[in-house]
Amino acid sequence: MVARKPLSEKVKKALKNKADKSRFFQGELSEVYRKGQGAYLGSGSRNVSMNAWSMGRVNSYMKGGGARKADAAIYKKYQKRRSKA
């Protein structure tokens, strides 16, 4: 079994770039990425890497796809911060 890995500098930089170019916060995207890691370990496809699975979840979340519904609590938590900005 693969253990959940700490976020690498490369992943942190990618999430920061995504956050800078969107209305989302880096911390928000990091939480979604972490949930993606958990989903991968729980029942993810072994045809893709954990990084690809997790980043795919982040991309789906940003586009308003299925991950947005699955991560509704995260979205709601950061929606309050977005409305203040």
C-alpha atoms as a PDB file:
ATOM      1  CA  MET A   1       0.000   0.000   0.000  1.00  0.00           C
ATOM      2  CA  VAL A   2       1.275   3.456  -0.907  1.00  0.00           C
ATOM      3  CA  ALA A   3       1.283   6.025   1.903  1.00  0.00           C
ATOM      4  CA  ARG A   4       0.068   9.562   1.324  1.00  0.00           C
ATOM      5  CA  LYS A   5       3.098  11.624   0.387  1.00  0.00           C
ATOM      6  CA  PRO A   6       3.865  15.152   1.570  1.00  0.00           C
ATOM      7  CA  LEU A   7       3.337  17.823  -1.061  1.00  0.00           C
ATOM      8  CA  SER A   8       6.491  18.248  -3.105  1.00  0.00           C
ATOM      9  CA  GLU A   9       7.830  21.648  -4.071  1.00  0.00           C
ATOM     10  CA  LYS A  10       6.783  20.938  -7.653  1.00  0.00           C
ATOM     11  CA  VAL A  11       3.174  20.268  -6.588  1.00  0.00           C
ATOM     12  CA  LYS A  12       3.119  23.320  -4.316  1.00  0.00           C
ATOM     13  CA  LYS A  13       4.361  25.480  -7.193  1.00  0.00           C
ATOM     14  CA  ALA A  14       1.768  24.028  -9.597  1.00  0.00           C
ATOM     15  CA  LEU A  15      -1.054  24.656  -7.121  1.00  0.00           C
ATOM     16  CA  LYS A  16       0.205  28.199  -6.483  1.00  0.00           C
ATOM     17  CA  ASN A  17       0.268  28.905 -10.228  1.00  0.00           C
ATOM     18  CA  LYS A  18      -3.285  27.584 -10.589  1.00  0.00           C
ATOM     19  CA  ALA A  19      -4.435  29.711  -7.649  1.00  0.00           C
ATOM     20  CA  ASP A  20      -2.728  32.843  -8.985  1.00  0.00           C
ATOM     21  CA  LYS A  21      -4.497  32.466 -12.337  1.00  0.00           C
ATOM     22  CA  SER A  22      -7.935  31.795 -10.861  1.00  0.00           C
ATOM     23  CA  ARG A  23     -10.329  32.846  -8.128  1.00  0.00           C
ATOM     24  CA  PHE A  24      -9.302  29.933  -5.934  1.00  0.00           C
ATOM     25  CA  PHE A  25      -6.913  30.000  -2.973  1.00  0.00           C
ATOM     26  CA  GLN A  26      -3.764  27.900  -2.807  1.00  0.00           C
ATOM     27  CA  GLY A  27      -4.824  26.390   0.520  1.00  0.00           C
ATOM     28  CA  GLU A  28      -8.175  25.454  -0.979  1.00  0.00           C
ATOM     29  CA  LEU A  29      -6.554  23.678  -3.908  1.00  0.00           C
ATOM     30  CA  SER A  30      -4.117  21.953  -1.551  1.00  0.00           C
ATOM     31  CA  GLU A  31      -7.041  20.557   0.454  1.00  0.00           C
ATOM     32  CA  VAL A  32      -8.664  19.252  -2.722  1.00  0.00           C
ATOM     33  CA  TYR A  33      -5.337  17.740  -3.797  1.00  0.00           C
ATOM     34  CA  ARG A  34      -5.042  15.971  -0.433  1.00  0.00           C
ATOM     35  CA  LYS A  35      -8.562  14.584  -0.793  1.00  0.00           C
ATOM     36  CA  GLY A  36      -7.536  13.370  -4.234  1.00  0.00           C
ATOM     37  CA  GLN A  37      -4.611  11.534  -2.681  1.00  0.00           C
ATOM     38  CA  GLY A  38      -6.981   9.900  -0.204  1.00  0.00           C
ATOM     39  CA  ALA A  39      -9.386   8.906  -2.961  1.00  0.00           C
ATOM     40  CA  TYR A  40      -6.526   7.395  -4.942  1.00  0.00           C
ATOM     41  CA  LEU A  41      -5.390   5.352  -1.967  1.00  0.00           C
ATOM     42  CA  GLY A  42      -8.962   4.303  -1.228  1.00  0.00           C
ATOM     43  CA  SER A  43     -10.007   3.123  -4.646  1.00  0.00           C
ATOM     44  CA  GLY A  44      -8.042   4.969  -7.313  1.00  0.00           C
ATOM     45  CA  SER A  45      -7.000   3.629 -10.639  1.00  0.00           C
ATOM     46  CA  ARG A  46      -3.606   2.021 -10.719  1.00  0.00           C
ATOM     47  CA  ASN A  47      -3.230   3.082 -14.342  1.00  0.00           C
ATOM     48  CA  VAL A  48      -2.283   6.636 -13.345  1.00  0.00           C
ATOM     49  CA  SER A  49       0.009   8.033 -10.673  1.00  0.00           C
ATOM     50  CA  MET A  50      -1.289   9.451  -7.408  1.00  0.00           C
ATOM     51  CA  ASN A  51      -0.083  12.884  -8.534  1.00  0.00           C
ATOM     52  CA  ALA A  52      -2.039  12.697 -11.792  1.00  0.00           C
ATOM     53  CA  TRP A  53      -5.164  11.462  -9.995  1.00  0.00           C
ATOM     54  CA  SER A  54      -4.958  14.250  -7.403  1.00  0.00           C
ATOM     55  CA  MET A  55      -4.228  16.995  -9.932  1.00  0.00           C
ATOM     56  CA  GLY A  56      -7.127  15.750 -12.050  1.00  0.00           C
ATOM     57  CA  ARG A  57      -9.374  16.204  -9.032  1.00  0.00           C
ATOM     58  CA  VAL A  58      -8.065  19.773  -8.587  1.00  0.00           C
ATOM     59  CA  ASN A  59      -8.754  20.531 -12.263  1.00  0.00           C
ATOM     60  CA  SER A  60     -12.264  19.083 -12.030  1.00  0.00           C
ATOM     61  CA  TYR A  61     -12.895  21.138  -8.887  1.00  0.00           C
ATOM     62  CA  MET A  62     -11.766  24.329 -10.612  1.00  0.00           C
ATOM     63  CA  LYS A  63     -13.998  23.668 -13.622  1.00  0.00           C
ATOM     64  CA  GLY A  64     -17.035  22.960 -11.463  1.00  0.00           C
ATOM     65  CA  GLY A  65     -17.135  19.245 -12.267  1.00  0.00           C
ATOM     66  CA  GLY A  66     -17.909  16.266 -10.100  1.00  0.00           C
ATOM     67  CA  ALA A  67     -15.087  17.047  -7.686  1.00  0.00           C
ATOM     68  CA  ARG A  68     -16.779  20.356  -6.815  1.00  0.00           C
ATOM     69  CA  LYS A  69     -19.791  18.407  -5.584  1.00  0.00           C
ATOM     70  CA  ALA A  70     -17.620  15.895  -3.720  1.00  0.00           C
ATOM     71  CA  ASP A  71     -15.621  18.707  -2.134  1.00  0.00           C
ATOM     72  CA  ALA A  72     -18.590  20.969  -1.403  1.00  0.00           C
ATOM     73  CA  ALA A  73     -17.489  21.513   2.210  1.00  0.00           C
ATOM     74  CA  ILE A  74     -14.126  22.868   1.062  1.00  0.00           C
ATOM     75  CA  TYR A  75     -15.799  25.103  -1.524  1.00  0.00           C
ATOM     76  CA  LYS A  76     -18.241  26.458   1.046  1.00  0.00           C
ATOM     77  CA  LYS A  77     -15.457  27.105   3.558  1.00  0.00           C
ATOM     78  CA  TYR A  78     -13.477  29.203   1.074  1.00  0.00           C
ATOM     79  CA  GLN A  79     -16.550  30.810  -0.524  1.00  0.00           C
ATOM     80  CA  LYS A  80     -16.824  33.021   2.572  1.00  0.00           C
ATOM     81  CA  ARG A  81     -13.267  34.252   2.014  1.00  0.00           C
ATOM     82  CA  ARG A  82     -13.910  34.828  -1.707  1.00  0.00           C
ATOM     83  CA  SER A  83     -16.938  37.026  -1.017  1.00  0.00           C
ATOM     84  CA  LYS A  84     -14.875  39.254   1.316  1.00  0.00           C
ATOM     85  CA  ALA A  85     -12.138  39.820  -1.268  1.00  0.00           C
END
